[in-house]
Amino acid sequence: MNRLYYGDNLDVMRKEIGSEVADLIYLDPPFKSALDFNILFKTDGLGPDEAQMTAFKDTWRWDEAAVKALDEIQDIPNPRLVNIVNALQGGMEQTPMLAYLVNMAIRLVEIRRVLKKDGSLYLHCDPTASHYLKMIMDAVFGPLSFRNEIIWRRTGSHNKAKRWAPIHDVLLFYVKTDVYQWNDPR
């Protein structure tokens, strides 16, 4: 209780977190933006390029980690998930999007394990992958566990060349069972 873990959440969940211990999980993973995100430091005598370090890379590629995740999914005793991932692989082949999705899928399986029977999950994503993530979450949690798609409208948009500016994020609300904790937000 009251611990902060640093590291890959998959490793942490597998090594440090027991089953059915979380009441609520809010997941804000990388959005597959194809960008690197840096931490900026305020230091005297350093230029902007020296006063920062990479916090995380939101770039995905089909590599050994993606192959390992895909292989691991094949052994999960969840035929819905295996079928969805195999169908996505057939349509996408070995693309960065599929690498992102297989890495998310194995984490969602672990998240389901650590979520209490009356627990809830909010997955924060953007329209780039929300439709794929919903299919994977339907496979992991069951389609009847879906409660809401919440649209989080940004206060402003940034113009993009040759397309409409993105103005919202998506939160997918799932529960583990029909008996879940709900606190009216009013």
N, C-alpha and C. Protein backbone atom coordinates (compact mmCIF):
# COMPACT_ATOMS: atom_id res chain seq x y z
N MET A 1 0.84 -1.18 0.00
CA MET A 1 0.00 0.00 0.00
C MET A 1 0.88 1.24 0.00
N ASN A 2 0.45 2.25 -0.72
CA ASN A 2 1.18 3.52 -0.80
C ASN A 2 2.61 3.34 -1.29
N ARG A 3 2.75 2.60 -2.37
CA ARG A 3 4.06 2.41 -2.99
C ARG A 3 4.04 2.96 -4.40
N LEU A 4 5.17 3.49 -4.80
CA LEU A 4 5.36 3.95 -6.16
C LEU A 4 6.41 3.04 -6.79
N TYR A 5 6.06 2.43 -7.91
CA TYR A 5 6.97 1.54 -8.60
C TYR A 5 7.50 2.26 -9.83
N TYR A 6 8.76 2.04 -10.12
CA TYR A 6 9.39 2.61 -11.30
C TYR A 6 9.80 1.47 -12.20
N GLY A 7 9.35 1.49 -13.43
CA GLY A 7 9.75 0.46 -14.37
C GLY A 7 8.63 0.13 -15.32
N ASP A 8 8.85 -0.88 -16.11
CA ASP A 8 7.85 -1.35 -17.06
C ASP A 8 6.68 -1.91 -16.26
N ASN A 9 5.47 -1.42 -16.51
CA ASN A 9 4.33 -1.84 -15.70
C ASN A 9 4.05 -3.34 -15.84
N LEU A 10 4.40 -3.95 -16.95
CA LEU A 10 4.19 -5.39 -17.10
C LEU A 10 5.07 -6.16 -16.11
N ASP A 11 6.34 -5.80 -16.05
CA ASP A 11 7.25 -6.45 -15.10
C ASP A 11 6.80 -6.21 -13.66
N VAL A 12 6.42 -4.98 -13.36
CA VAL A 12 6.00 -4.65 -11.99
C VAL A 12 4.76 -5.45 -11.61
N MET A 13 3.76 -5.49 -12.49
CA MET A 13 2.55 -6.23 -12.15
C MET A 13 2.87 -7.71 -11.93
N ARG A 14 3.70 -8.28 -12.78
CA ARG A 14 4.00 -9.71 -12.68
C ARG A 14 4.83 -10.05 -11.44
N LYS A 15 5.73 -9.16 -11.05
CA LYS A 15 6.65 -9.47 -9.94
C LYS A 15 6.19 -8.92 -8.59
N GLU A 16 5.42 -7.83 -8.60
CA GLU A 16 5.15 -7.14 -7.35
C GLU A 16 3.67 -7.08 -6.95
N ILE A 17 2.76 -7.27 -7.87
CA ILE A 17 1.34 -7.04 -7.60
C ILE A 17 0.59 -8.37 -7.59
N GLY A 18 -0.14 -8.60 -6.50
CA GLY A 18 -0.93 -9.82 -6.38
C GLY A 18 -2.20 -9.76 -7.22
N SER A 19 -2.93 -10.85 -7.22
CA SER A 19 -4.20 -10.92 -7.96
C SER A 19 -5.32 -10.27 -7.16
N GLU A 20 -6.21 -9.61 -7.88
CA GLU A 20 -7.42 -9.00 -7.33
C GLU A 20 -7.15 -8.10 -6.13
N VAL A 21 -6.26 -7.12 -6.34
CA VAL A 21 -5.92 -6.18 -5.27
C VAL A 21 -6.30 -4.73 -5.59
N ALA A 22 -6.63 -4.43 -6.83
CA ALA A 22 -6.88 -3.04 -7.24
C ALA A 22 -8.38 -2.78 -7.39
N ASP A 23 -8.85 -1.71 -6.73
CA ASP A 23 -10.25 -1.30 -6.87
C ASP A 23 -10.49 -0.55 -8.17
N LEU A 24 -9.53 0.28 -8.53
CA LEU A 24 -9.66 1.17 -9.67
C LEU A 24 -8.31 1.28 -10.36
N ILE A 25 -8.33 1.17 -11.69
CA ILE A 25 -7.11 1.36 -12.46
C ILE A 25 -7.40 2.41 -13.52
N TYR A 26 -6.58 3.44 -13.52
CA TYR A 26 -6.61 4.46 -14.57
C TYR A 26 -5.33 4.27 -15.36
N LEU A 27 -5.46 3.93 -16.62
CA LEU A 27 -4.32 3.63 -17.46
C LEU A 27 -4.19 4.71 -18.52
N ASP A 28 -3.05 5.38 -18.50
CA ASP A 28 -2.77 6.44 -19.47
C ASP A 28 -1.48 6.07 -20.20
N PRO A 29 -1.57 5.07 -21.09
CA PRO A 29 -0.36 4.60 -21.76
C PRO A 29 0.05 5.57 -22.87
N PRO A 30 1.24 5.35 -23.42
CA PRO A 30 1.58 6.13 -24.62
C PRO A 30 0.49 5.95 -25.68
N PHE A 31 0.24 6.99 -26.44
CA PHE A 31 -0.87 7.02 -27.39
C PHE A 31 -0.49 6.55 -28.79
N LYS A 32 0.69 6.03 -28.97
CA LYS A 32 1.21 5.72 -30.30
C LYS A 32 1.27 6.99 -31.16
N SER A 33 1.88 8.01 -30.56
CA SER A 33 1.98 9.30 -31.23
C SER A 33 3.20 9.40 -32.15
N ALA A 34 4.11 8.44 -32.06
CA ALA A 34 5.36 8.45 -32.82
C ALA A 34 6.26 9.62 -32.42
N LEU A 35 6.18 10.01 -31.14
CA LEU A 35 6.99 11.10 -30.62
C LEU A 35 7.81 10.63 -29.42
N ASP A 36 8.90 11.34 -29.14
CA ASP A 36 9.65 11.13 -27.92
C ASP A 36 9.30 12.26 -26.96
N PHE A 37 9.17 11.93 -25.69
CA PHE A 37 8.81 12.93 -24.68
C PHE A 37 9.97 13.09 -23.71
N ASN A 38 10.34 14.35 -23.45
CA ASN A 38 11.51 14.65 -22.65
C ASN A 38 11.12 15.33 -21.34
N ILE A 39 12.00 15.14 -20.35
CA ILE A 39 11.91 15.89 -19.10
C ILE A 39 12.87 17.07 -19.25
N LEU A 40 12.38 18.25 -18.96
CA LEU A 40 13.21 19.46 -19.06
C LEU A 40 13.69 19.86 -17.68
N PHE A 41 14.96 20.25 -17.58
CA PHE A 41 15.54 20.68 -16.32
C PHE A 41 15.91 22.15 -16.42
N LYS A 42 15.74 22.86 -15.34
CA LYS A 42 16.17 24.25 -15.30
C LYS A 42 17.54 24.27 -14.63
N THR A 43 18.55 24.48 -15.44
CA THR A 43 19.92 24.51 -14.90
C THR A 43 20.66 25.66 -15.54
N ASP A 44 21.50 26.26 -14.74
CA ASP A 44 22.33 27.37 -15.24
C ASP A 44 23.48 26.83 -16.07
N GLY A 45 23.75 27.49 -17.16
CA GLY A 45 24.90 27.17 -17.97
C GLY A 45 24.69 26.07 -19.00
N LEU A 46 23.51 25.47 -19.04
CA LEU A 46 23.25 24.44 -20.04
C LEU A 46 22.26 24.96 -21.07
N GLY A 47 22.50 24.59 -22.31
CA GLY A 47 21.56 24.94 -23.37
C GLY A 47 20.35 24.03 -23.33
N PRO A 48 19.29 24.39 -24.08
CA PRO A 48 18.07 23.59 -24.07
C PRO A 48 18.29 22.12 -24.44
N ASP A 49 19.21 21.87 -25.36
CA ASP A 49 19.45 20.48 -25.77
C ASP A 49 20.22 19.69 -24.71
N GLU A 50 20.89 20.38 -23.78
CA GLU A 50 21.64 19.70 -22.72
C GLU A 50 20.83 19.55 -21.43
N ALA A 51 19.79 20.35 -21.27
CA ALA A 51 19.02 20.37 -20.03
C ALA A 51 17.75 19.54 -20.14
N GLN A 52 17.85 18.40 -20.79
CA GLN A 52 16.70 17.52 -20.92
C GLN A 52 17.16 16.09 -21.11
N MET A 53 16.25 15.18 -20.82
CA MET A 53 16.51 13.77 -21.09
C MET A 53 15.21 13.12 -21.51
N THR A 54 15.32 12.03 -22.23
CA THR A 54 14.12 11.35 -22.71
C THR A 54 13.41 10.67 -21.55
N ALA A 55 12.13 11.00 -21.36
CA ALA A 55 11.32 10.36 -20.34
C ALA A 55 10.78 9.04 -20.88
N PHE A 56 10.23 9.07 -22.07
CA PHE A 56 9.81 7.84 -22.74
C PHE A 56 9.65 8.11 -24.22
N LYS A 57 9.78 7.03 -24.96
CA LYS A 57 9.62 7.09 -26.41
C LYS A 57 8.27 6.48 -26.74
N ASP A 58 7.47 7.21 -27.46
CA ASP A 58 6.17 6.70 -27.91
C ASP A 58 6.29 6.33 -29.38
N THR A 59 7.35 5.62 -29.67
CA THR A 59 7.56 5.11 -31.01
C THR A 59 7.59 3.59 -30.91
N TRP A 60 6.92 2.96 -31.82
CA TRP A 60 6.79 1.51 -31.79
C TRP A 60 7.28 0.94 -33.10
N ARG A 61 7.89 -0.21 -33.03
CA ARG A 61 8.34 -0.89 -34.24
C ARG A 61 8.20 -2.38 -34.02
N TRP A 62 8.11 -3.08 -35.12
CA TRP A 62 8.03 -4.53 -35.03
C TRP A 62 9.43 -5.04 -34.76
N ASP A 63 9.66 -5.49 -33.54
CA ASP A 63 10.99 -5.93 -33.12
C ASP A 63 10.86 -7.19 -32.28
N GLU A 64 11.93 -7.56 -31.62
CA GLU A 64 11.94 -8.79 -30.82
C GLU A 64 10.91 -8.74 -29.70
N ALA A 65 10.73 -7.58 -29.07
CA ALA A 65 9.74 -7.45 -27.99
C ALA A 65 8.32 -7.66 -28.52
N ALA A 66 8.03 -7.16 -29.71
CA ALA A 66 6.70 -7.35 -30.30
C ALA A 66 6.47 -8.82 -30.65
N VAL A 67 7.49 -9.47 -31.19
CA VAL A 67 7.38 -10.90 -31.52
C VAL A 67 7.15 -11.70 -30.24
N LYS A 68 7.88 -11.36 -29.18
CA LYS A 68 7.72 -12.05 -27.90
C LYS A 68 6.30 -11.86 -27.35
N ALA A 69 5.78 -10.63 -27.42
CA ALA A 69 4.42 -10.36 -26.95
C ALA A 69 3.40 -11.14 -27.77
N LEU A 70 3.57 -11.17 -29.08
CA LEU A 70 2.64 -11.91 -29.94
C LEU A 70 2.69 -13.40 -29.61
N ASP A 71 3.88 -13.95 -29.42
CA ASP A 71 4.01 -15.37 -29.06
C ASP A 71 3.35 -15.65 -27.71
N GLU A 72 3.53 -14.74 -26.77
CA GLU A 72 2.94 -14.91 -25.45
C GLU A 72 1.41 -14.91 -25.52
N ILE A 73 0.86 -14.05 -26.34
CA ILE A 73 -0.60 -13.99 -26.50
C ILE A 73 -1.14 -15.33 -27.00
N GLN A 74 -0.40 -15.99 -27.86
CA GLN A 74 -0.87 -17.27 -28.41
C GLN A 74 -1.05 -18.32 -27.32
N ASP A 75 -0.35 -18.18 -26.19
CA ASP A 75 -0.43 -19.14 -25.09
C ASP A 75 -1.42 -18.74 -24.00
N ILE A 76 -2.05 -17.58 -24.13
CA ILE A 76 -3.02 -17.13 -23.13
C ILE A 76 -4.31 -17.91 -23.34
N PRO A 77 -4.87 -18.48 -22.27
CA PRO A 77 -6.10 -19.27 -22.43
C PRO A 77 -7.35 -18.39 -22.60
N ASN A 78 -7.32 -17.58 -23.63
CA ASN A 78 -8.44 -16.69 -23.94
C ASN A 78 -8.59 -16.69 -25.47
N PRO A 79 -9.43 -17.60 -25.99
CA PRO A 79 -9.55 -17.71 -27.45
C PRO A 79 -10.02 -16.42 -28.12
N ARG A 80 -10.87 -15.62 -27.44
CA ARG A 80 -11.32 -14.35 -28.04
C ARG A 80 -10.13 -13.44 -28.30
N LEU A 81 -9.23 -13.32 -27.31
CA LEU A 81 -8.07 -12.45 -27.47
C LEU A 81 -7.15 -12.98 -28.57
N VAL A 82 -6.87 -14.27 -28.55
CA VAL A 82 -6.00 -14.86 -29.56
C VAL A 82 -6.58 -14.63 -30.96
N ASN A 83 -7.88 -14.83 -31.11
CA ASN A 83 -8.51 -14.64 -32.42
C ASN A 83 -8.46 -13.18 -32.87
N ILE A 84 -8.74 -12.25 -31.97
CA ILE A 84 -8.69 -10.81 -32.33
C ILE A 84 -7.27 -10.41 -32.74
N VAL A 85 -6.30 -10.80 -31.94
CA VAL A 85 -4.91 -10.42 -32.24
C VAL A 85 -4.46 -11.06 -33.56
N ASN A 86 -4.82 -12.31 -33.78
CA ASN A 86 -4.44 -12.96 -35.04
C ASN A 86 -5.12 -12.29 -36.24
N ALA A 87 -6.38 -11.87 -36.06
CA ALA A 87 -7.07 -11.16 -37.14
C ALA A 87 -6.40 -9.81 -37.41
N LEU A 88 -6.02 -9.10 -36.35
CA LEU A 88 -5.32 -7.83 -36.53
C LEU A 88 -3.98 -8.05 -37.23
N GLN A 89 -3.29 -9.11 -36.85
CA GLN A 89 -2.02 -9.40 -37.50
C GLN A 89 -2.22 -9.70 -38.98
N GLY A 90 -3.29 -10.42 -39.31
CA GLY A 90 -3.57 -10.72 -40.72
C GLY A 90 -3.84 -9.47 -41.53
N GLY A 91 -4.48 -8.48 -40.92
CA GLY A 91 -4.81 -7.25 -41.63
C GLY A 91 -3.71 -6.21 -41.61
N MET A 92 -2.95 -6.15 -40.52
CA MET A 92 -1.92 -5.11 -40.35
C MET A 92 -0.52 -5.58 -40.68
N GLU A 93 -0.33 -6.89 -40.62
CA GLU A 93 1.00 -7.48 -40.75
C GLU A 93 1.90 -6.95 -39.65
N GLN A 94 3.17 -6.85 -39.88
CA GLN A 94 4.11 -6.48 -38.81
C GLN A 94 4.39 -4.98 -38.83
N THR A 95 3.37 -4.21 -38.47
CA THR A 95 3.45 -2.75 -38.50
C THR A 95 3.69 -2.19 -37.09
N PRO A 96 4.07 -0.93 -36.99
CA PRO A 96 4.20 -0.31 -35.68
C PRO A 96 2.88 -0.35 -34.88
N MET A 97 1.74 -0.20 -35.55
CA MET A 97 0.47 -0.25 -34.83
C MET A 97 0.25 -1.62 -34.20
N LEU A 98 0.56 -2.69 -34.92
CA LEU A 98 0.40 -4.02 -34.35
C LEU A 98 1.38 -4.23 -33.19
N ALA A 99 2.58 -3.71 -33.31
CA ALA A 99 3.55 -3.79 -32.20
C ALA A 99 2.97 -3.12 -30.95
N TYR A 100 2.37 -1.96 -31.12
CA TYR A 100 1.73 -1.25 -30.01
C TYR A 100 0.60 -2.09 -29.41
N LEU A 101 -0.24 -2.64 -30.27
CA LEU A 101 -1.42 -3.38 -29.79
C LEU A 101 -1.06 -4.67 -29.07
N VAL A 102 -0.07 -5.42 -29.55
CA VAL A 102 0.29 -6.65 -28.84
C VAL A 102 0.93 -6.33 -27.49
N ASN A 103 1.68 -5.24 -27.43
CA ASN A 103 2.24 -4.83 -26.14
C ASN A 103 1.16 -4.37 -25.18
N MET A 104 0.15 -3.70 -25.68
CA MET A 104 -0.98 -3.30 -24.84
C MET A 104 -1.79 -4.53 -24.41
N ALA A 105 -1.98 -5.48 -25.29
CA ALA A 105 -2.81 -6.66 -24.99
C ALA A 105 -2.27 -7.45 -23.81
N ILE A 106 -0.96 -7.71 -23.79
CA ILE A 106 -0.43 -8.50 -22.68
C ILE A 106 -0.52 -7.72 -21.36
N ARG A 107 -0.46 -6.41 -21.42
CA ARG A 107 -0.62 -5.60 -20.21
C ARG A 107 -2.07 -5.59 -19.74
N LEU A 108 -3.00 -5.56 -20.66
CA LEU A 108 -4.42 -5.58 -20.28
C LEU A 108 -4.80 -6.92 -19.64
N VAL A 109 -4.19 -8.00 -20.07
CA VAL A 109 -4.42 -9.30 -19.43
C VAL A 109 -3.95 -9.24 -17.97
N GLU A 110 -2.79 -8.66 -17.73
CA GLU A 110 -2.29 -8.53 -16.36
C GLU A 110 -3.15 -7.58 -15.54
N ILE A 111 -3.60 -6.51 -16.16
CA ILE A 111 -4.47 -5.56 -15.45
C ILE A 111 -5.76 -6.25 -15.01
N ARG A 112 -6.31 -7.08 -15.86
CA ARG A 112 -7.52 -7.82 -15.47
C ARG A 112 -7.24 -8.71 -14.26
N ARG A 113 -6.07 -9.31 -14.24
CA ARG A 113 -5.70 -10.19 -13.12
C ARG A 113 -5.62 -9.41 -11.80
N VAL A 114 -5.05 -8.21 -11.82
CA VAL A 114 -4.87 -7.47 -10.57
C VAL A 114 -6.13 -6.71 -10.13
N LEU A 115 -7.10 -6.58 -11.01
CA LEU A 115 -8.33 -5.85 -10.70
C LEU A 115 -9.25 -6.72 -9.83
N LYS A 116 -9.77 -6.13 -8.77
CA LYS A 116 -10.72 -6.84 -7.91
C LYS A 116 -11.99 -7.16 -8.70
N LYS A 117 -12.78 -8.10 -8.18
CA LYS A 117 -14.03 -8.49 -8.85
C LYS A 117 -14.98 -7.30 -9.01
N ASP A 118 -14.96 -6.38 -8.05
CA ASP A 118 -15.83 -5.20 -8.13
C ASP A 118 -15.07 -3.97 -8.63
N GLY A 119 -13.93 -4.20 -9.29
CA GLY A 119 -13.08 -3.11 -9.75
C GLY A 119 -13.47 -2.56 -11.11
N SER A 120 -12.91 -1.38 -11.39
CA SER A 120 -13.17 -0.67 -12.66
C SER A 120 -11.85 -0.25 -13.29
N LEU A 121 -11.88 -0.14 -14.61
CA LEU A 121 -10.71 0.28 -15.38
C LEU A 121 -11.11 1.40 -16.32
N TYR A 122 -10.32 2.44 -16.33
CA TYR A 122 -10.45 3.54 -17.30
C TYR A 122 -9.17 3.56 -18.12
N LEU A 123 -9.30 3.35 -19.41
CA LEU A 123 -8.16 3.39 -20.33
C LEU A 123 -8.24 4.68 -21.13
N HIS A 124 -7.23 5.54 -20.95
CA HIS A 124 -7.16 6.84 -21.61
C HIS A 124 -6.33 6.66 -22.89
N CYS A 125 -6.92 7.00 -24.02
CA CYS A 125 -6.23 6.86 -25.30
C CYS A 125 -6.70 7.96 -26.24
N ASP A 126 -6.31 7.89 -27.47
CA ASP A 126 -6.77 8.88 -28.43
C ASP A 126 -7.35 8.15 -29.64
N PRO A 127 -7.96 8.86 -30.56
CA PRO A 127 -8.62 8.19 -31.70
C PRO A 127 -7.68 7.41 -32.62
N THR A 128 -6.38 7.58 -32.46
CA THR A 128 -5.44 6.84 -33.31
C THR A 128 -5.60 5.33 -33.14
N ALA A 129 -5.81 4.89 -31.89
CA ALA A 129 -5.88 3.44 -31.63
C ALA A 129 -7.08 3.04 -30.78
N SER A 130 -7.94 3.97 -30.42
CA SER A 130 -9.03 3.64 -29.48
C SER A 130 -9.93 2.53 -30.00
N HIS A 131 -10.20 2.50 -31.29
CA HIS A 131 -11.08 1.47 -31.84
C HIS A 131 -10.43 0.08 -31.77
N TYR A 132 -9.12 0.01 -31.99
CA TYR A 132 -8.42 -1.26 -31.85
C TYR A 132 -8.36 -1.68 -30.37
N LEU A 133 -8.06 -0.73 -29.51
CA LEU A 133 -7.98 -1.04 -28.08
C LEU A 133 -9.31 -1.51 -27.53
N LYS A 134 -10.41 -0.95 -28.02
CA LYS A 134 -11.72 -1.40 -27.57
C LYS A 134 -11.94 -2.86 -27.95
N MET A 135 -11.55 -3.25 -29.13
CA MET A 135 -11.69 -4.66 -29.54
C MET A 135 -10.86 -5.57 -28.63
N ILE A 136 -9.66 -5.16 -28.32
CA ILE A 136 -8.80 -5.96 -27.44
C ILE A 136 -9.40 -6.02 -26.03
N MET A 137 -9.90 -4.89 -25.55
CA MET A 137 -10.51 -4.88 -24.22
C MET A 137 -11.78 -5.73 -24.18
N ASP A 138 -12.56 -5.71 -25.25
CA ASP A 138 -13.73 -6.60 -25.33
C ASP A 138 -13.28 -8.06 -25.23
N ALA A 139 -12.17 -8.39 -25.85
CA ALA A 139 -11.67 -9.76 -25.80
C ALA A 139 -11.15 -10.12 -24.40
N VAL A 140 -10.47 -9.19 -23.75
CA VAL A 140 -9.89 -9.47 -22.43
C VAL A 140 -10.95 -9.46 -21.34
N PHE A 141 -11.82 -8.46 -21.33
CA PHE A 141 -12.80 -8.30 -20.25
C PHE A 141 -14.17 -8.87 -20.60
N GLY A 142 -14.44 -9.05 -21.89
CA GLY A 142 -15.76 -9.46 -22.35
C GLY A 142 -16.53 -8.23 -22.79
N PRO A 143 -17.25 -8.32 -23.91
CA PRO A 143 -17.96 -7.15 -24.43
C PRO A 143 -19.03 -6.61 -23.49
N LEU A 144 -19.57 -7.45 -22.61
CA LEU A 144 -20.59 -6.96 -21.67
C LEU A 144 -19.98 -6.19 -20.50
N SER A 145 -18.66 -6.21 -20.38
CA SER A 145 -17.99 -5.45 -19.32
C SER A 145 -17.75 -3.99 -19.71
N PHE A 146 -17.97 -3.66 -20.96
CA PHE A 146 -17.85 -2.27 -21.42
C PHE A 146 -18.99 -1.45 -20.84
N ARG A 147 -18.68 -0.32 -20.24
CA ARG A 147 -19.70 0.55 -19.67
C ARG A 147 -19.86 1.86 -20.44
N ASN A 148 -18.77 2.50 -20.79
CA ASN A 148 -18.88 3.79 -21.47
C ASN A 148 -17.63 4.10 -22.29
N GLU A 149 -17.85 4.88 -23.33
CA GLU A 149 -16.77 5.59 -24.00
C GLU A 149 -16.97 7.05 -23.60
N ILE A 150 -15.98 7.60 -22.95
CA ILE A 150 -16.05 8.98 -22.48
C ILE A 150 -15.17 9.83 -23.39
N ILE A 151 -15.74 10.89 -23.90
CA ILE A 151 -14.97 11.80 -24.75
C ILE A 151 -14.51 12.98 -23.91
N TRP A 152 -13.21 13.16 -23.87
CA TRP A 152 -12.61 14.25 -23.11
C TRP A 152 -12.20 15.31 -24.13
N ARG A 153 -13.00 16.36 -24.20
CA ARG A 153 -12.73 17.42 -25.16
C ARG A 153 -11.65 18.35 -24.64
N ARG A 154 -10.68 18.59 -25.47
CA ARG A 154 -9.60 19.52 -25.10
C ARG A 154 -10.14 20.95 -25.16
N THR A 155 -9.52 21.83 -24.41
CA THR A 155 -9.99 23.22 -24.39
C THR A 155 -9.61 23.96 -25.66
N GLY A 156 -8.64 23.48 -26.37
CA GLY A 156 -8.24 24.12 -27.61
C GLY A 156 -7.63 23.10 -28.54
N SER A 157 -7.53 23.46 -29.78
CA SER A 157 -6.92 22.55 -30.74
C SER A 157 -5.71 23.23 -31.36
N HIS A 158 -4.86 22.41 -31.91
CA HIS A 158 -3.68 22.92 -32.61
C HIS A 158 -3.85 22.54 -34.08
N ASN A 159 -3.75 23.52 -34.93
CA ASN A 159 -3.95 23.25 -36.35
C ASN A 159 -2.90 22.28 -36.87
N LYS A 160 -3.34 21.38 -37.70
CA LYS A 160 -2.47 20.41 -38.34
C LYS A 160 -2.55 20.64 -39.84
N ALA A 161 -1.43 20.46 -40.49
CA ALA A 161 -1.41 20.64 -41.94
C ALA A 161 -2.24 19.55 -42.62
N LYS A 162 -3.13 19.96 -43.48
CA LYS A 162 -3.92 19.08 -44.34
C LYS A 162 -4.80 18.08 -43.60
N ARG A 163 -5.26 18.44 -42.39
CA ARG A 163 -6.27 17.63 -41.71
C ARG A 163 -6.88 18.45 -40.59
N TRP A 164 -8.01 17.98 -40.08
CA TRP A 164 -8.66 18.65 -38.96
C TRP A 164 -7.81 18.46 -37.71
N ALA A 165 -7.77 19.46 -36.88
CA ALA A 165 -6.98 19.39 -35.65
C ALA A 165 -7.63 18.44 -34.65
N PRO A 166 -6.83 17.64 -33.95
CA PRO A 166 -7.40 16.75 -32.94
C PRO A 166 -7.89 17.57 -31.75
N ILE A 167 -9.11 17.27 -31.31
CA ILE A 167 -9.68 18.06 -30.21
C ILE A 167 -10.20 17.21 -29.06
N HIS A 168 -9.97 15.88 -29.10
CA HIS A 168 -10.47 15.07 -27.99
C HIS A 168 -9.61 13.84 -27.74
N ASP A 169 -9.71 13.33 -26.52
CA ASP A 169 -9.16 12.03 -26.15
C ASP A 169 -10.33 11.13 -25.82
N VAL A 170 -10.05 9.85 -25.68
CA VAL A 170 -11.08 8.85 -25.39
C VAL A 170 -10.71 8.12 -24.10
N LEU A 171 -11.70 7.92 -23.25
CA LEU A 171 -11.53 7.05 -22.09
C LEU A 171 -12.52 5.90 -22.24
N LEU A 172 -12.00 4.69 -22.18
CA LEU A 172 -12.84 3.50 -22.25
C LEU A 172 -13.02 2.98 -20.83
N PHE A 173 -14.27 2.87 -20.38
CA PHE A 173 -14.61 2.45 -19.03
C PHE A 173 -15.10 1.01 -19.06
N TYR A 174 -14.36 0.13 -18.38
CA TYR A 174 -14.69 -1.29 -18.29
C TYR A 174 -14.75 -1.71 -16.82
N VAL A 175 -15.52 -2.75 -16.56
CA VAL A 175 -15.58 -3.35 -15.23
C VAL A 175 -15.20 -4.82 -15.36
N LYS A 176 -14.81 -5.41 -14.24
CA LYS A 176 -14.43 -6.82 -14.28
C LYS A 176 -15.67 -7.72 -14.22
N THR A 177 -16.65 -7.34 -13.39
CA THR A 177 -17.90 -8.10 -13.29
C THR A 177 -19.06 -7.11 -13.19
N ASP A 178 -20.27 -7.63 -13.22
CA ASP A 178 -21.45 -6.77 -13.11
C ASP A 178 -21.62 -6.17 -11.72
N VAL A 179 -20.93 -6.72 -10.74
CA VAL A 179 -20.99 -6.20 -9.38
C VAL A 179 -19.75 -5.33 -9.19
N TYR A 180 -19.87 -4.04 -9.48
CA TYR A 180 -18.73 -3.15 -9.40
C TYR A 180 -19.10 -1.90 -8.60
N GLN A 181 -18.07 -1.30 -8.05
CA GLN A 181 -18.24 -0.08 -7.25
C GLN A 181 -18.54 1.10 -8.17
N TRP A 182 -19.59 1.84 -7.87
CA TRP A 182 -19.91 3.05 -8.62
C TRP A 182 -20.23 4.16 -7.65
N ASN A 183 -19.50 5.23 -7.72
CA ASN A 183 -19.75 6.41 -6.90
C ASN A 183 -20.25 7.51 -7.83
N ASP A 184 -21.50 7.90 -7.65
CA ASP A 184 -22.10 8.93 -8.51
C ASP A 184 -21.24 10.20 -8.45
N PRO A 185 -20.76 10.68 -9.59
CA PRO A 185 -19.84 11.82 -9.59
C PRO A 185 -20.48 13.17 -9.27
N ARG A 186 -21.81 13.22 -9.06
CA ARG A 186 -22.43 14.51 -8.76
C ARG A 186 -22.14 14.98 -7.36
